Amino acid sequence: MLKINNLPTPKLSQEEIIHKKISVIEKIPTGVGPRANAILVLLGEKPAVEMYIPDKEHAEKAVKDLKDIGLFAEISKKPRVGFDPESADVLIARTQEILDELKQIHPNKHHRRYGELMGYPQTAIDAFLGENGAEILPAEEQDKMLGDIPTIFNGTFVFSKDHKDEELAVVKHRTKLIAQKAPELFYDSFGKEGADKLLSYILNYY
């Protein structure tokens, strides 16, 4: 029997279980982007994510709630420069092994592996690092491809010149997943009128 916030629930369908787990993440007091990315970890779209929480007093509860829904989480002990000392980062992963690895790496030192753990496409990582013959797509061209896609819901990564269409497809797929599974995040970001328009377009054309 699934427990949500330590309360047993009656037998539910898989879809209902996912919905309840998502609702736990939606209530974490942080921005829309971190919540959306945590949902993508829950849905198996990303191995891990780092969730910024403005008030560190809420971080311990967030860790407990994330563990209750089957994710692996803990407050980061990595050095933090330039961040509000009253804030905290929560590391979230699909498995304990991934969480243990995330604790040991830093985005400014372990570029490739950090990108992989954040769910960035290999081709985008290659372009960012200038490896395997990959080149970064100019920013203005990437912005034109993205158009009105709200990238806040799945994080941004540079596109590569040779694989930009596949990388755009990843962004669209993840945005549509959030629209399907966690539409409330759209309302949090864009208000009712804006969210209604965006959701209608994404669900019908992505």
N, C-alpha and C. Protein backbone atom coordinates (compact mmCIF):
# COMPACT_ATOMS: atom_id res chain seq x y z
N MET A 1 0.85 -1.19 0.00
CA MET A 1 0.00 0.00 0.00
C MET A 1 0.89 1.24 0.00
N LEU A 2 0.62 2.17 -0.93
CA LEU A 2 1.40 3.40 -1.04
C LEU A 2 1.14 4.31 0.15
N LYS A 3 2.19 4.95 0.61
CA LYS A 3 2.04 5.96 1.65
C LYS A 3 2.41 7.31 1.08
N ILE A 4 1.54 8.26 1.24
CA ILE A 4 1.83 9.63 0.87
C ILE A 4 1.83 10.44 2.16
N ASN A 5 2.98 11.07 2.46
CA ASN A 5 3.11 11.80 3.73
C ASN A 5 2.76 10.91 4.92
N ASN A 6 3.19 9.64 4.82
CA ASN A 6 3.02 8.65 5.89
C ASN A 6 1.57 8.24 6.14
N LEU A 7 0.68 8.63 5.23
CA LEU A 7 -0.72 8.21 5.37
C LEU A 7 -1.01 7.12 4.35
N PRO A 8 -1.47 5.94 4.78
CA PRO A 8 -1.78 4.87 3.83
C PRO A 8 -2.94 5.28 2.94
N THR A 9 -2.88 4.86 1.70
CA THR A 9 -3.95 5.17 0.75
C THR A 9 -4.55 3.86 0.24
N PRO A 10 -5.81 3.88 -0.18
CA PRO A 10 -6.41 2.67 -0.74
C PRO A 10 -5.73 2.30 -2.05
N LYS A 11 -6.00 1.09 -2.52
CA LYS A 11 -5.39 0.63 -3.77
C LYS A 11 -5.77 1.56 -4.91
N LEU A 12 -4.77 2.01 -5.63
CA LEU A 12 -4.96 2.98 -6.70
C LEU A 12 -4.41 2.45 -8.00
N SER A 13 -4.87 3.01 -9.10
CA SER A 13 -4.30 2.69 -10.40
C SER A 13 -2.91 3.32 -10.49
N GLN A 14 -2.11 2.86 -11.43
CA GLN A 14 -0.77 3.41 -11.61
C GLN A 14 -0.84 4.90 -11.92
N GLU A 15 -1.80 5.30 -12.74
CA GLU A 15 -1.95 6.71 -13.09
C GLU A 15 -2.30 7.53 -11.86
N GLU A 16 -3.16 7.02 -10.99
CA GLU A 16 -3.53 7.73 -9.77
C GLU A 16 -2.35 7.84 -8.82
N ILE A 17 -1.53 6.80 -8.74
CA ILE A 17 -0.34 6.83 -7.89
C ILE A 17 0.63 7.92 -8.36
N ILE A 18 0.87 7.95 -9.68
CA ILE A 18 1.76 8.97 -10.24
C ILE A 18 1.21 10.37 -9.95
N HIS A 19 -0.10 10.53 -10.11
CA HIS A 19 -0.71 11.84 -9.87
C HIS A 19 -0.50 12.28 -8.43
N LYS A 20 -0.67 11.36 -7.48
CA LYS A 20 -0.47 11.69 -6.07
C LYS A 20 0.98 12.04 -5.78
N LYS A 21 1.90 11.31 -6.39
CA LYS A 21 3.31 11.62 -6.20
C LYS A 21 3.67 12.99 -6.77
N ILE A 22 3.13 13.28 -7.94
CA ILE A 22 3.39 14.58 -8.55
C ILE A 22 2.84 15.70 -7.68
N SER A 23 1.68 15.48 -7.09
CA SER A 23 1.09 16.52 -6.24
C SER A 23 1.98 16.82 -5.04
N VAL A 24 2.73 15.83 -4.55
CA VAL A 24 3.68 16.07 -3.47
C VAL A 24 4.78 17.01 -3.94
N ILE A 25 5.31 16.77 -5.12
CA ILE A 25 6.38 17.63 -5.65
C ILE A 25 5.85 19.03 -5.92
N GLU A 26 4.63 19.14 -6.42
CA GLU A 26 4.05 20.45 -6.74
C GLU A 26 3.96 21.34 -5.50
N LYS A 27 3.86 20.74 -4.33
CA LYS A 27 3.69 21.52 -3.10
C LYS A 27 5.01 21.97 -2.47
N ILE A 28 6.14 21.51 -3.00
CA ILE A 28 7.42 21.93 -2.44
C ILE A 28 7.61 23.43 -2.69
N PRO A 29 7.98 24.20 -1.65
CA PRO A 29 8.07 25.65 -1.78
C PRO A 29 9.34 26.11 -2.51
N THR A 30 9.30 26.00 -3.82
CA THR A 30 10.39 26.47 -4.65
C THR A 30 9.81 26.90 -5.99
N GLY A 31 10.67 27.26 -6.94
CA GLY A 31 10.19 27.73 -8.23
C GLY A 31 9.58 26.65 -9.09
N VAL A 32 8.93 27.08 -10.16
CA VAL A 32 8.29 26.14 -11.08
C VAL A 32 9.33 25.24 -11.75
N GLY A 33 10.45 25.83 -12.18
CA GLY A 33 11.47 25.05 -12.87
C GLY A 33 11.99 23.88 -12.07
N PRO A 34 12.44 24.11 -10.81
CA PRO A 34 12.91 22.98 -9.99
C PRO A 34 11.86 21.91 -9.77
N ARG A 35 10.61 22.32 -9.57
CA ARG A 35 9.54 21.33 -9.38
C ARG A 35 9.31 20.52 -10.65
N ALA A 36 9.31 21.20 -11.80
CA ALA A 36 9.11 20.49 -13.06
C ALA A 36 10.23 19.49 -13.31
N ASN A 37 11.45 19.89 -13.03
CA ASN A 37 12.57 18.98 -13.26
C ASN A 37 12.53 17.78 -12.31
N ALA A 38 12.08 17.99 -11.08
CA ALA A 38 11.93 16.87 -10.15
C ALA A 38 10.85 15.91 -10.65
N ILE A 39 9.80 16.45 -11.23
CA ILE A 39 8.75 15.60 -11.81
C ILE A 39 9.30 14.78 -12.97
N LEU A 40 10.17 15.38 -13.76
CA LEU A 40 10.79 14.64 -14.87
C LEU A 40 11.68 13.52 -14.37
N VAL A 41 12.31 13.71 -13.21
CA VAL A 41 13.06 12.61 -12.60
C VAL A 41 12.10 11.50 -12.18
N LEU A 42 11.02 11.88 -11.54
CA LEU A 42 10.01 10.91 -11.12
C LEU A 42 9.48 10.11 -12.30
N LEU A 43 9.30 10.76 -13.43
CA LEU A 43 8.74 10.11 -14.62
C LEU A 43 9.78 9.34 -15.42
N GLY A 44 11.03 9.35 -14.96
CA GLY A 44 12.08 8.60 -15.64
C GLY A 44 12.72 9.30 -16.81
N GLU A 45 12.45 10.60 -16.96
CA GLU A 45 13.00 11.36 -18.08
C GLU A 45 14.41 11.87 -17.81
N LYS A 46 14.77 12.00 -16.54
CA LYS A 46 16.09 12.47 -16.16
C LYS A 46 16.60 11.61 -15.01
N PRO A 47 17.91 11.36 -14.97
CA PRO A 47 18.44 10.59 -13.85
C PRO A 47 18.41 11.35 -12.52
N ALA A 48 18.64 12.66 -12.59
CA ALA A 48 18.78 13.44 -11.35
C ALA A 48 18.55 14.91 -11.61
N VAL A 49 18.46 15.65 -10.51
CA VAL A 49 18.33 17.11 -10.60
C VAL A 49 18.76 17.71 -9.27
N GLU A 50 19.18 18.95 -9.30
CA GLU A 50 19.46 19.70 -8.08
C GLU A 50 18.36 20.73 -7.91
N MET A 51 17.64 20.66 -6.79
CA MET A 51 16.50 21.56 -6.54
C MET A 51 16.90 22.67 -5.57
N TYR A 52 16.84 23.89 -6.04
CA TYR A 52 17.11 25.05 -5.19
C TYR A 52 15.87 25.37 -4.37
N ILE A 53 16.04 25.49 -3.06
CA ILE A 53 14.94 25.84 -2.17
C ILE A 53 15.32 27.13 -1.44
N PRO A 54 14.57 28.21 -1.65
CA PRO A 54 14.95 29.52 -1.10
C PRO A 54 15.09 29.55 0.42
N ASP A 55 14.28 28.78 1.13
CA ASP A 55 14.33 28.76 2.59
C ASP A 55 14.79 27.38 3.05
N LYS A 56 16.00 27.31 3.60
CA LYS A 56 16.55 26.00 3.95
C LYS A 56 15.76 25.29 5.04
N GLU A 57 14.92 26.04 5.75
CA GLU A 57 14.08 25.39 6.76
C GLU A 57 13.09 24.42 6.12
N HIS A 58 12.78 24.66 4.83
CA HIS A 58 11.85 23.79 4.13
C HIS A 58 12.55 22.60 3.46
N ALA A 59 13.89 22.64 3.42
CA ALA A 59 14.63 21.62 2.69
C ALA A 59 14.50 20.23 3.31
N GLU A 60 14.56 20.16 4.63
CA GLU A 60 14.47 18.85 5.28
C GLU A 60 13.12 18.19 5.03
N LYS A 61 12.05 18.97 5.09
CA LYS A 61 10.73 18.42 4.80
C LYS A 61 10.64 17.98 3.35
N ALA A 62 11.25 18.77 2.44
CA ALA A 62 11.24 18.40 1.03
C ALA A 62 11.93 17.05 0.83
N VAL A 63 13.08 16.86 1.49
CA VAL A 63 13.80 15.58 1.40
C VAL A 63 12.93 14.43 1.87
N LYS A 64 12.28 14.61 3.01
CA LYS A 64 11.40 13.57 3.56
C LYS A 64 10.25 13.26 2.60
N ASP A 65 9.62 14.30 2.06
CA ASP A 65 8.49 14.10 1.16
C ASP A 65 8.93 13.39 -0.12
N LEU A 66 10.10 13.75 -0.64
CA LEU A 66 10.61 13.11 -1.86
C LEU A 66 10.92 11.64 -1.62
N LYS A 67 11.47 11.34 -0.47
CA LYS A 67 11.74 9.94 -0.13
C LYS A 67 10.44 9.15 0.02
N ASP A 68 9.42 9.79 0.57
CA ASP A 68 8.13 9.12 0.77
C ASP A 68 7.51 8.68 -0.56
N ILE A 69 7.82 9.38 -1.65
CA ILE A 69 7.24 9.01 -2.94
C ILE A 69 8.20 8.17 -3.80
N GLY A 70 9.27 7.70 -3.17
CA GLY A 70 10.13 6.75 -3.86
C GLY A 70 11.37 7.30 -4.53
N LEU A 71 11.61 8.60 -4.38
CA LEU A 71 12.83 9.17 -4.93
C LEU A 71 13.93 9.14 -3.87
N PHE A 72 15.15 9.41 -4.30
CA PHE A 72 16.29 9.43 -3.38
C PHE A 72 16.76 10.88 -3.30
N ALA A 73 16.86 11.39 -2.09
CA ALA A 73 17.14 12.82 -1.93
C ALA A 73 17.89 13.09 -0.64
N GLU A 74 18.67 14.17 -0.68
CA GLU A 74 19.30 14.70 0.54
C GLU A 74 19.78 16.11 0.27
N ILE A 75 20.00 16.85 1.35
CA ILE A 75 20.48 18.22 1.22
C ILE A 75 21.95 18.20 0.81
N SER A 76 22.27 18.99 -0.20
CA SER A 76 23.64 19.02 -0.71
C SER A 76 24.60 19.63 0.30
N LYS A 77 25.77 19.04 0.37
CA LYS A 77 26.83 19.58 1.22
C LYS A 77 27.94 20.19 0.37
N LYS A 78 27.70 20.34 -0.93
CA LYS A 78 28.70 20.93 -1.81
C LYS A 78 28.89 22.42 -1.46
N PRO A 79 30.12 22.92 -1.65
CA PRO A 79 30.36 24.35 -1.40
C PRO A 79 29.45 25.20 -2.30
N ARG A 80 28.91 26.28 -1.74
CA ARG A 80 28.01 27.15 -2.49
C ARG A 80 28.55 28.57 -2.42
N VAL A 81 28.84 29.14 -3.59
CA VAL A 81 29.39 30.50 -3.66
C VAL A 81 28.36 31.40 -4.35
N GLY A 82 28.05 32.51 -3.71
CA GLY A 82 27.13 33.47 -4.33
C GLY A 82 25.67 33.17 -4.11
N PHE A 83 25.34 32.21 -3.25
CA PHE A 83 23.96 31.88 -2.95
C PHE A 83 23.57 32.41 -1.58
N ASP A 84 22.30 32.69 -1.42
CA ASP A 84 21.77 33.13 -0.13
C ASP A 84 22.04 32.04 0.91
N PRO A 85 22.70 32.38 2.02
CA PRO A 85 22.99 31.36 3.03
C PRO A 85 21.73 30.77 3.67
N GLU A 86 20.59 31.43 3.51
CA GLU A 86 19.34 30.91 4.05
C GLU A 86 18.67 29.93 3.10
N SER A 87 19.28 29.70 1.93
CA SER A 87 18.72 28.77 0.95
C SER A 87 19.46 27.44 1.03
N ALA A 88 18.98 26.46 0.28
CA ALA A 88 19.62 25.14 0.25
C ALA A 88 19.38 24.48 -1.09
N ASP A 89 20.26 23.56 -1.45
CA ASP A 89 20.08 22.73 -2.64
C ASP A 89 19.75 21.31 -2.20
N VAL A 90 18.73 20.75 -2.79
CA VAL A 90 18.37 19.36 -2.51
C VAL A 90 18.72 18.52 -3.74
N LEU A 91 19.52 17.49 -3.53
CA LEU A 91 19.89 16.58 -4.60
C LEU A 91 18.80 15.51 -4.71
N ILE A 92 18.33 15.26 -5.92
CA ILE A 92 17.23 14.31 -6.15
C ILE A 92 17.65 13.36 -7.26
N ALA A 93 17.42 12.06 -7.05
CA ALA A 93 17.82 11.07 -8.05
C ALA A 93 16.85 9.90 -8.09
N ARG A 94 16.93 9.14 -9.18
CA ARG A 94 16.06 7.97 -9.34
C ARG A 94 16.53 6.79 -8.51
N THR A 95 17.86 6.72 -8.26
CA THR A 95 18.41 5.60 -7.49
C THR A 95 19.42 6.12 -6.49
N GLN A 96 19.73 5.28 -5.50
CA GLN A 96 20.73 5.67 -4.51
C GLN A 96 22.09 5.79 -5.16
N GLU A 97 22.39 4.93 -6.12
CA GLU A 97 23.69 4.97 -6.81
C GLU A 97 23.88 6.30 -7.54
N ILE A 98 22.82 6.75 -8.21
CA ILE A 98 22.91 8.03 -8.91
C ILE A 98 23.08 9.18 -7.91
N LEU A 99 22.34 9.12 -6.81
CA LEU A 99 22.47 10.16 -5.79
C LEU A 99 23.88 10.21 -5.23
N ASP A 100 24.45 9.04 -4.95
CA ASP A 100 25.82 8.99 -4.42
C ASP A 100 26.81 9.60 -5.41
N GLU A 101 26.59 9.34 -6.69
CA GLU A 101 27.49 9.91 -7.70
C GLU A 101 27.31 11.42 -7.79
N LEU A 102 26.06 11.88 -7.77
CA LEU A 102 25.79 13.31 -7.88
C LEU A 102 26.44 14.09 -6.74
N LYS A 103 26.50 13.48 -5.56
CA LYS A 103 27.12 14.14 -4.42
C LYS A 103 28.61 14.41 -4.64
N GLN A 104 29.23 13.63 -5.51
CA GLN A 104 30.68 13.70 -5.68
C GLN A 104 31.11 14.57 -6.86
N ILE A 105 30.18 14.97 -7.71
CA ILE A 105 30.59 15.71 -8.90
C ILE A 105 30.11 17.16 -8.84
N HIS A 106 30.80 18.00 -9.62
CA HIS A 106 30.48 19.43 -9.65
C HIS A 106 30.32 19.86 -11.11
N PRO A 107 29.29 20.66 -11.40
CA PRO A 107 29.04 21.04 -12.80
C PRO A 107 30.19 21.77 -13.46
N ASN A 108 31.01 22.48 -12.69
CA ASN A 108 32.12 23.23 -13.28
C ASN A 108 33.40 22.41 -13.42
N LYS A 109 33.38 21.18 -12.92
CA LYS A 109 34.56 20.32 -13.02
C LYS A 109 34.30 19.05 -13.82
N HIS A 110 33.14 18.51 -13.67
CA HIS A 110 32.81 17.24 -14.31
C HIS A 110 31.68 17.48 -15.32
N HIS A 111 32.01 18.25 -16.35
CA HIS A 111 30.99 18.76 -17.27
C HIS A 111 30.16 17.64 -17.91
N ARG A 112 30.84 16.65 -18.49
CA ARG A 112 30.11 15.62 -19.23
C ARG A 112 29.20 14.81 -18.32
N ARG A 113 29.75 14.32 -17.23
CA ARG A 113 28.94 13.45 -16.38
C ARG A 113 27.80 14.23 -15.72
N TYR A 114 28.06 15.46 -15.34
CA TYR A 114 27.00 16.27 -14.75
C TYR A 114 25.87 16.47 -15.76
N GLY A 115 26.23 16.76 -17.01
CA GLY A 115 25.21 16.92 -18.05
C GLY A 115 24.40 15.65 -18.26
N GLU A 116 25.08 14.52 -18.23
CA GLU A 116 24.38 13.24 -18.39
C GLU A 116 23.39 13.01 -17.24
N LEU A 117 23.83 13.31 -16.02
CA LEU A 117 22.94 13.11 -14.88
C LEU A 117 21.75 14.06 -14.91
N MET A 118 21.94 15.24 -15.49
CA MET A 118 20.83 16.19 -15.62
C MET A 118 19.92 15.87 -16.79
N GLY A 119 20.25 14.83 -17.55
CA GLY A 119 19.39 14.40 -18.65
C GLY A 119 19.59 15.14 -19.95
N TYR A 120 20.73 15.79 -20.12
CA TYR A 120 20.99 16.48 -21.39
C TYR A 120 21.37 15.46 -22.46
N PRO A 121 20.95 15.66 -23.70
CA PRO A 121 21.34 14.74 -24.78
C PRO A 121 22.86 14.71 -24.97
N GLN A 122 23.39 13.55 -25.31
CA GLN A 122 24.83 13.43 -25.52
C GLN A 122 25.32 14.39 -26.59
N THR A 123 24.52 14.57 -27.65
CA THR A 123 24.94 15.47 -28.73
C THR A 123 25.06 16.90 -28.25
N ALA A 124 24.18 17.30 -27.32
CA ALA A 124 24.25 18.65 -26.77
C ALA A 124 25.47 18.80 -25.87
N ILE A 125 25.77 17.76 -25.12
CA ILE A 125 26.97 17.79 -24.26
C ILE A 125 28.23 17.87 -25.12
N ASP A 126 28.27 17.08 -26.18
CA ASP A 126 29.41 17.13 -27.10
C ASP A 126 29.62 18.55 -27.63
N ALA A 127 28.51 19.19 -28.03
CA ALA A 127 28.61 20.55 -28.59
C ALA A 127 29.11 21.52 -27.53
N PHE A 128 28.58 21.43 -26.32
CA PHE A 128 28.98 22.32 -25.24
C PHE A 128 30.48 22.19 -24.96
N LEU A 129 30.99 20.95 -25.02
CA LEU A 129 32.40 20.71 -24.72
C LEU A 129 33.29 20.84 -25.96
N GLY A 130 32.68 20.95 -27.15
CA GLY A 130 33.47 21.01 -28.37
C GLY A 130 34.18 19.70 -28.66
N GLU A 131 33.52 18.59 -28.35
CA GLU A 131 34.12 17.27 -28.54
C GLU A 131 33.38 16.47 -29.61
N ASN A 132 34.07 15.43 -30.12
CA ASN A 132 33.49 14.53 -31.12
C ASN A 132 33.00 15.27 -32.36
N GLY A 133 33.68 16.35 -32.69
CA GLY A 133 33.37 17.11 -33.89
C GLY A 133 32.09 17.93 -33.81
N ALA A 134 31.51 18.04 -32.63
CA ALA A 134 30.25 18.76 -32.49
C ALA A 134 30.48 20.25 -32.28
N GLU A 135 29.55 21.05 -32.80
CA GLU A 135 29.62 22.50 -32.65
C GLU A 135 28.30 23.01 -32.09
N ILE A 136 28.38 24.08 -31.32
CA ILE A 136 27.19 24.69 -30.73
C ILE A 136 26.41 25.46 -31.80
N LEU A 137 25.11 25.27 -31.82
CA LEU A 137 24.24 26.07 -32.68
C LEU A 137 24.23 27.50 -32.13
N PRO A 138 24.40 28.52 -32.99
CA PRO A 138 24.37 29.90 -32.50
C PRO A 138 23.10 30.16 -31.69
N ALA A 139 23.25 30.96 -30.64
CA ALA A 139 22.14 31.20 -29.70
C ALA A 139 20.91 31.75 -30.39
N GLU A 140 21.11 32.65 -31.36
CA GLU A 140 19.95 33.25 -32.02
C GLU A 140 19.17 32.20 -32.83
N GLU A 141 19.88 31.22 -33.38
CA GLU A 141 19.20 30.15 -34.12
C GLU A 141 18.45 29.22 -33.16
N GLN A 142 19.05 28.94 -32.01
CA GLN A 142 18.37 28.11 -31.02
C GLN A 142 17.12 28.83 -30.51
N ASP A 143 17.24 30.12 -30.23
CA ASP A 143 16.08 30.88 -29.75
C ASP A 143 14.95 30.85 -30.78
N LYS A 144 15.31 30.93 -32.06
CA LYS A 144 14.30 30.90 -33.12
C LYS A 144 13.62 29.53 -33.17
N MET A 145 14.40 28.46 -33.00
CA MET A 145 13.82 27.11 -33.01
C MET A 145 12.89 26.91 -31.82
N LEU A 146 13.29 27.42 -30.67
CA LEU A 146 12.48 27.24 -29.46
C LEU A 146 11.18 28.04 -29.53
N GLY A 147 11.23 29.21 -30.17
CA GLY A 147 10.02 30.01 -30.30
C GLY A 147 9.39 30.29 -28.94
N ASP A 148 8.12 29.90 -28.79
CA ASP A 148 7.39 30.16 -27.55
C ASP A 148 7.41 28.99 -26.59
N ILE A 149 8.27 27.99 -26.84
CA ILE A 149 8.33 26.84 -25.93
C ILE A 149 8.81 27.30 -24.56
N PRO A 150 8.05 27.05 -23.50
CA PRO A 150 8.46 27.46 -22.15
C PRO A 150 9.53 26.53 -21.58
N THR A 151 10.79 26.83 -21.84
CA THR A 151 11.89 25.93 -21.44
C THR A 151 12.07 25.85 -19.93
N ILE A 152 11.39 26.69 -19.18
CA ILE A 152 11.50 26.64 -17.72
C ILE A 152 11.09 25.28 -17.18
N PHE A 153 10.28 24.53 -17.93
CA PHE A 153 9.76 23.27 -17.41
C PHE A 153 10.72 22.09 -17.54
N ASN A 154 11.78 22.21 -18.30
CA ASN A 154 12.67 21.05 -18.43
C ASN A 154 14.14 21.42 -18.47
N GLY A 155 14.45 22.66 -18.17
CA GLY A 155 15.85 23.06 -18.19
C GLY A 155 16.32 23.35 -19.61
N THR A 156 17.38 24.10 -19.72
CA THR A 156 17.89 24.45 -21.04
C THR A 156 19.29 23.88 -21.22
N PHE A 157 19.56 23.49 -22.43
CA PHE A 157 20.90 23.05 -22.81
C PHE A 157 21.17 23.58 -24.20
N VAL A 158 22.45 23.73 -24.55
CA VAL A 158 22.77 24.22 -25.88
C VAL A 158 22.43 23.17 -26.92
N PHE A 159 21.99 23.61 -28.08
CA PHE A 159 21.75 22.70 -29.20
C PHE A 159 23.03 22.58 -30.01
N SER A 160 23.16 21.45 -30.68
CA SER A 160 24.29 21.25 -31.59
C SER A 160 23.84 21.54 -33.02
N LYS A 161 24.78 21.92 -33.86
CA LYS A 161 24.44 22.23 -35.25
C LYS A 161 23.88 21.02 -35.99
N ASP A 162 24.46 19.84 -35.74
CA ASP A 162 24.10 18.67 -36.53
C ASP A 162 22.91 17.89 -35.97
N HIS A 163 22.55 18.14 -34.73
CA HIS A 163 21.47 17.35 -34.11
C HIS A 163 20.41 18.23 -33.47
N LYS A 164 20.29 19.43 -33.99
CA LYS A 164 19.37 20.40 -33.37
C LYS A 164 17.91 19.93 -33.40
N ASP A 165 17.52 19.23 -34.46
CA ASP A 165 16.12 18.79 -34.55
C ASP A 165 15.79 17.72 -33.50
N GLU A 166 16.72 16.79 -33.29
CA GLU A 166 16.50 15.77 -32.25
C GLU A 166 16.49 16.40 -30.86
N GLU A 167 17.34 17.39 -30.66
CA GLU A 167 17.39 18.05 -29.36
C GLU A 167 16.13 18.87 -29.10
N LEU A 168 15.63 19.51 -30.15
CA LEU A 168 14.36 20.23 -30.02
C LEU A 168 13.23 19.25 -29.67
N ALA A 169 13.28 18.06 -30.27
CA ALA A 169 12.25 17.05 -29.99
C ALA A 169 12.26 16.64 -28.52
N VAL A 170 13.46 16.58 -27.92
CA VAL A 170 13.57 16.26 -26.49
C VAL A 170 12.87 17.33 -25.66
N VAL A 171 13.13 18.59 -25.97
CA VAL A 171 12.52 19.70 -25.23
C VAL A 171 11.01 19.65 -25.37
N LYS A 172 10.52 19.43 -26.59
CA LYS A 172 9.07 19.38 -26.81
C LYS A 172 8.45 18.20 -26.06
N HIS A 173 9.09 17.06 -26.11
CA HIS A 173 8.56 15.87 -25.44
C HIS A 173 8.43 16.10 -23.94
N ARG A 174 9.46 16.67 -23.33
CA ARG A 174 9.43 16.89 -21.88
C ARG A 174 8.43 17.97 -21.51
N THR A 175 8.33 19.00 -22.34
CA THR A 175 7.34 20.05 -22.08
C THR A 175 5.93 19.47 -22.15
N LYS A 176 5.69 18.61 -23.11
CA LYS A 176 4.37 18.00 -23.24
C LYS A 176 4.07 17.09 -22.05
N LEU A 177 5.08 16.38 -21.56
CA LEU A 177 4.89 15.53 -20.38
C LEU A 177 4.43 16.36 -19.18
N ILE A 178 5.06 17.51 -18.97
CA ILE A 178 4.66 18.37 -17.87
C ILE A 178 3.24 18.88 -18.09
N ALA A 179 2.93 19.22 -19.34
CA ALA A 179 1.57 19.68 -19.65
C ALA A 179 0.54 18.60 -19.35
N GLN A 180 0.88 17.35 -19.63
CA GLN A 180 -0.04 16.24 -19.41
C GLN A 180 -0.15 15.86 -17.94
N LYS A 181 0.99 15.82 -17.27
CA LYS A 181 1.03 15.27 -15.91
C LYS A 181 0.95 16.32 -14.81
N ALA A 182 1.38 17.54 -15.10
CA ALA A 182 1.42 18.57 -14.05
C ALA A 182 1.00 19.93 -14.61
N PRO A 183 -0.20 20.02 -15.18
CA PRO A 183 -0.62 21.29 -15.78
C PRO A 183 -0.68 22.45 -14.79
N GLU A 184 -0.81 22.13 -13.48
CA GLU A 184 -0.86 23.20 -12.49
C GLU A 184 0.38 24.09 -12.53
N LEU A 185 1.50 23.52 -12.95
CA LEU A 185 2.72 24.33 -13.03
C LEU A 185 2.60 25.42 -14.09
N PHE A 186 1.84 25.14 -15.14
CA PHE A 186 1.60 26.16 -16.16
C PHE A 186 0.78 27.32 -15.57
N TYR A 187 -0.22 26.96 -14.77
CA TYR A 187 -1.06 28.00 -14.16
C TYR A 187 -0.26 28.82 -13.15
N ASP A 188 0.67 28.17 -12.45
CA ASP A 188 1.54 28.89 -11.53
C ASP A 188 2.40 29.92 -12.26
N SER A 189 2.78 29.59 -13.49
CA SER A 189 3.71 30.44 -14.23
C SER A 189 3.03 31.50 -15.08
N PHE A 190 1.90 31.14 -15.70
CA PHE A 190 1.34 32.00 -16.74
C PHE A 190 -0.07 32.51 -16.44
N GLY A 191 -0.63 32.13 -15.29
CA GLY A 191 -2.01 32.53 -15.01
C GLY A 191 -2.98 31.72 -15.85
N LYS A 192 -4.26 31.84 -15.58
CA LYS A 192 -5.24 30.98 -16.22
C LYS A 192 -5.31 31.18 -17.74
N GLU A 193 -5.42 32.42 -18.18
CA GLU A 193 -5.59 32.67 -19.61
C GLU A 193 -4.36 32.22 -20.39
N GLY A 194 -3.18 32.62 -19.91
CA GLY A 194 -1.95 32.24 -20.62
C GLY A 194 -1.73 30.74 -20.60
N ALA A 195 -2.00 30.11 -19.45
CA ALA A 195 -1.80 28.66 -19.33
C ALA A 195 -2.77 27.90 -20.23
N ASP A 196 -4.02 28.35 -20.26
CA ASP A 196 -5.01 27.66 -21.11
C ASP A 196 -4.56 27.65 -22.57
N LYS A 197 -4.07 28.78 -23.05
CA LYS A 197 -3.62 28.87 -24.44
C LYS A 197 -2.41 27.97 -24.70
N LEU A 198 -1.43 28.05 -23.78
CA LEU A 198 -0.22 27.26 -23.95
C LEU A 198 -0.52 25.76 -23.89
N LEU A 199 -1.31 25.35 -22.92
CA LEU A 199 -1.63 23.92 -22.76
C LEU A 199 -2.37 23.39 -23.98
N SER A 200 -3.30 24.16 -24.48
CA SER A 200 -4.06 23.74 -25.67
C SER A 200 -3.12 23.53 -26.85
N TYR A 201 -2.21 24.48 -27.05
CA TYR A 201 -1.27 24.38 -28.19
C TYR A 201 -0.33 23.19 -28.01
N ILE A 202 0.26 23.07 -26.82
CA ILE A 202 1.24 22.00 -26.58
C ILE A 202 0.59 20.61 -26.70
N LEU A 203 -0.56 20.44 -26.12
CA LEU A 203 -1.21 19.13 -26.12
C LEU A 203 -1.71 18.73 -27.49
N ASN A 204 -1.97 19.71 -28.34
CA ASN A 204 -2.49 19.41 -29.68
C ASN A 204 -1.42 19.33 -30.76
N TYR A 205 -0.29 20.02 -30.56
CA TYR A 205 0.68 20.14 -31.66
C TYR A 205 2.06 19.58 -31.34
N TYR A 206 2.37 19.27 -30.09
CA TYR A 206 3.69 18.73 -29.77
C TYR A 206 3.67 17.21 -29.95
